[in-house]
N, C-alpha and C. Protein backbone atom coordinates (compact mmCIF):
# COMPACT_ATOMS: atom_id res chain seq x y z
N MET A 1 130.02 66.41 113.35
CA MET A 1 130.32 65.05 113.78
C MET A 1 129.05 64.19 113.72
N SER A 2 127.95 64.72 114.11
CA SER A 2 126.74 63.91 114.16
C SER A 2 126.30 63.37 112.81
N ALA A 3 126.61 64.13 111.75
CA ALA A 3 126.25 63.74 110.39
C ALA A 3 127.11 62.52 109.95
N LYS A 4 128.37 62.51 110.41
CA LYS A 4 129.24 61.40 110.05
C LYS A 4 128.84 60.13 110.80
N VAL A 5 128.44 60.26 112.04
CA VAL A 5 128.06 59.13 112.82
C VAL A 5 126.64 58.65 112.43
N GLY A 6 125.75 59.60 112.22
CA GLY A 6 124.38 59.27 111.85
C GLY A 6 123.51 59.00 113.11
N HIS A 7 122.22 58.74 112.87
CA HIS A 7 121.30 58.44 113.92
C HIS A 7 121.31 59.47 115.03
N GLN A 8 121.04 60.75 114.65
CA GLN A 8 121.13 61.83 115.56
C GLN A 8 120.23 61.70 116.80
N ARG A 9 119.04 61.08 116.60
CA ARG A 9 118.11 60.92 117.74
C ARG A 9 118.78 60.09 118.83
N TRP A 10 119.50 59.02 118.42
CA TRP A 10 120.10 58.15 119.43
C TRP A 10 121.31 58.78 120.05
N GLN A 11 121.95 59.68 119.32
CA GLN A 11 123.07 60.45 119.94
C GLN A 11 122.57 61.34 121.04
N ILE A 12 121.42 62.03 120.82
CA ILE A 12 120.83 62.81 121.84
C ILE A 12 120.45 62.00 123.03
N VAL A 13 119.83 60.88 122.80
CA VAL A 13 119.44 59.99 123.96
C VAL A 13 120.65 59.56 124.73
N PHE A 14 121.71 59.17 124.01
CA PHE A 14 122.92 58.72 124.68
C PHE A 14 123.54 59.86 125.55
N PHE A 15 123.66 61.02 124.97
CA PHE A 15 124.30 62.14 125.75
C PHE A 15 123.42 62.54 126.91
N MET A 16 122.07 62.49 126.77
CA MET A 16 121.21 62.83 127.94
C MET A 16 121.29 61.75 129.00
N LEU A 17 121.41 60.48 128.61
CA LEU A 17 121.58 59.42 129.60
C LEU A 17 122.87 59.58 130.38
N VAL A 18 123.98 59.88 129.70
CA VAL A 18 125.23 60.10 130.37
C VAL A 18 125.14 61.32 131.29
N GLN A 19 124.54 62.37 130.83
CA GLN A 19 124.41 63.54 131.74
C GLN A 19 123.57 63.18 132.93
N THR A 20 122.48 62.50 132.75
CA THR A 20 121.65 62.17 133.93
C THR A 20 122.37 61.28 134.89
N ALA A 21 123.11 60.30 134.37
CA ALA A 21 123.87 59.43 135.24
C ALA A 21 124.95 60.19 136.03
N CYS A 22 125.58 61.09 135.34
CA CYS A 22 126.66 61.88 136.05
C CYS A 22 126.08 62.82 137.09
N VAL A 23 124.95 63.41 136.77
CA VAL A 23 124.30 64.29 137.74
C VAL A 23 123.92 63.47 138.98
N GLY A 24 123.37 62.31 138.76
CA GLY A 24 123.05 61.40 139.91
C GLY A 24 124.26 60.96 140.65
N ALA A 25 125.38 60.74 139.93
CA ALA A 25 126.59 60.35 140.65
C ALA A 25 127.18 61.51 141.46
N MET A 26 126.85 62.77 141.04
CA MET A 26 127.32 63.91 141.81
C MET A 26 126.83 63.91 143.24
N ALA A 27 125.71 63.19 143.48
CA ALA A 27 125.14 63.10 144.81
C ALA A 27 126.05 62.30 145.73
N THR A 28 126.96 61.45 145.16
CA THR A 28 127.87 60.70 146.02
C THR A 28 129.16 61.50 146.33
N SER A 29 129.33 62.62 145.69
CA SER A 29 130.56 63.45 145.96
C SER A 29 130.45 64.16 147.31
N THR A 30 131.58 64.19 148.00
CA THR A 30 131.66 64.89 149.28
C THR A 30 132.85 65.84 149.22
N ILE A 31 133.06 66.52 150.31
CA ILE A 31 134.22 67.41 150.42
C ILE A 31 135.57 66.67 150.34
N GLU A 32 135.51 65.36 150.67
CA GLU A 32 136.75 64.57 150.60
C GLU A 32 137.04 64.00 149.22
N THR A 33 136.08 64.14 148.27
CA THR A 33 136.28 63.57 146.93
C THR A 33 136.18 64.70 145.86
N PRO A 34 137.12 65.62 145.83
CA PRO A 34 137.07 66.68 144.86
C PRO A 34 137.38 66.21 143.43
N VAL A 35 138.22 65.17 143.33
CA VAL A 35 138.56 64.67 142.01
C VAL A 35 137.35 64.06 141.29
N ARG A 36 136.55 63.30 142.07
CA ARG A 36 135.33 62.76 141.49
C ARG A 36 134.41 63.83 140.99
N SER A 37 134.23 64.89 141.81
CA SER A 37 133.39 65.98 141.39
C SER A 37 133.92 66.66 140.10
N PHE A 38 135.23 66.86 140.07
CA PHE A 38 135.81 67.50 138.90
C PHE A 38 135.63 66.68 137.64
N ILE A 39 135.80 65.38 137.70
CA ILE A 39 135.61 64.50 136.55
C ILE A 39 134.20 64.45 136.12
N LEU A 40 133.31 64.34 137.03
CA LEU A 40 131.87 64.29 136.67
C LEU A 40 131.39 65.58 136.03
N VAL A 41 131.86 66.74 136.56
CA VAL A 41 131.48 68.02 135.97
C VAL A 41 132.07 68.13 134.55
N CYS A 42 133.30 67.64 134.34
CA CYS A 42 133.87 67.65 133.00
C CYS A 42 133.08 66.77 132.02
N ILE A 43 132.64 65.61 132.48
CA ILE A 43 131.86 64.72 131.61
C ILE A 43 130.50 65.36 131.28
N ILE A 44 129.88 65.98 132.31
CA ILE A 44 128.60 66.60 132.07
C ILE A 44 128.73 67.78 131.07
N SER A 45 129.77 68.55 131.23
CA SER A 45 129.96 69.70 130.31
C SER A 45 130.29 69.25 128.90
N ILE A 46 131.02 68.15 128.76
CA ILE A 46 131.31 67.61 127.43
C ILE A 46 130.06 67.10 126.75
N CYS A 47 129.15 66.52 127.50
CA CYS A 47 127.92 65.96 126.91
C CYS A 47 126.84 67.03 126.72
N THR A 48 126.97 68.15 127.27
CA THR A 48 125.92 69.19 127.18
C THR A 48 125.89 69.78 125.76
N ALA A 49 126.99 70.20 125.27
CA ALA A 49 127.08 70.89 123.97
C ALA A 49 126.56 70.02 122.82
N PRO A 50 127.02 68.78 122.68
CA PRO A 50 126.49 67.99 121.51
C PRO A 50 125.00 67.77 121.60
N SER A 51 124.46 67.51 122.73
CA SER A 51 123.00 67.27 122.82
C SER A 51 122.22 68.47 122.46
N GLN A 52 122.67 69.66 122.87
CA GLN A 52 121.94 70.88 122.60
C GLN A 52 122.12 71.21 121.09
N LEU A 53 123.34 71.15 120.55
CA LEU A 53 123.54 71.52 119.20
C LEU A 53 122.82 70.63 118.21
N VAL A 54 122.86 69.33 118.41
CA VAL A 54 122.15 68.40 117.56
C VAL A 54 120.65 68.62 117.60
N THR A 55 120.10 68.91 118.77
CA THR A 55 118.67 69.22 118.90
C THR A 55 118.30 70.47 118.21
N ILE A 56 119.12 71.55 118.31
CA ILE A 56 118.79 72.80 117.64
C ILE A 56 118.86 72.68 116.15
N VAL A 57 119.87 71.94 115.64
CA VAL A 57 119.97 71.76 114.21
C VAL A 57 118.82 70.90 113.66
N MET A 58 118.37 69.90 114.36
CA MET A 58 117.25 69.11 113.98
C MET A 58 115.97 69.90 113.92
N ILE A 59 115.77 70.80 114.86
CA ILE A 59 114.58 71.63 114.92
C ILE A 59 114.62 72.62 113.72
N MET A 60 115.78 73.25 113.48
CA MET A 60 115.92 74.22 112.42
C MET A 60 115.66 73.60 111.05
N PHE A 61 116.17 72.40 110.83
CA PHE A 61 115.94 71.74 109.52
C PHE A 61 114.55 71.21 109.37
N GLY A 62 113.83 71.03 110.45
CA GLY A 62 112.50 70.53 110.42
C GLY A 62 111.46 71.63 110.22
N LEU A 63 111.84 72.86 110.32
CA LEU A 63 110.84 73.95 110.15
C LEU A 63 110.56 74.19 108.68
N GLU A 64 109.30 74.36 108.39
CA GLU A 64 108.87 74.69 107.05
C GLU A 64 109.17 76.15 106.75
N ASP A 65 108.78 77.02 107.66
CA ASP A 65 108.96 78.49 107.48
C ASP A 65 109.93 79.02 108.54
N GLN A 66 110.92 79.67 108.13
CA GLN A 66 111.93 80.23 109.07
C GLN A 66 111.38 81.33 109.93
N ASN A 67 110.16 81.88 109.60
CA ASN A 67 109.56 82.91 110.47
C ASN A 67 109.01 82.30 111.72
N ASP A 68 108.89 81.02 111.83
CA ASP A 68 108.40 80.36 113.00
C ASP A 68 109.39 80.38 114.15
N MET A 69 110.61 80.72 113.83
CA MET A 69 111.66 80.72 114.90
C MET A 69 111.52 81.89 115.79
């Protein structure tokens, strides 16, 4: 997906910003707001995989020698 969209660096920045905002918003959740907690956890988990995968692929393609891994 990231190759079709392009600008992988900005995708990583966007996903990390969303994750950070949602983790901060989790501080507003209480025992009376379980739906808010559930939605925020879902958004965080959806944003975690793309940011990690794009970063790993960028690092792997940037290595000169695969023995450095």
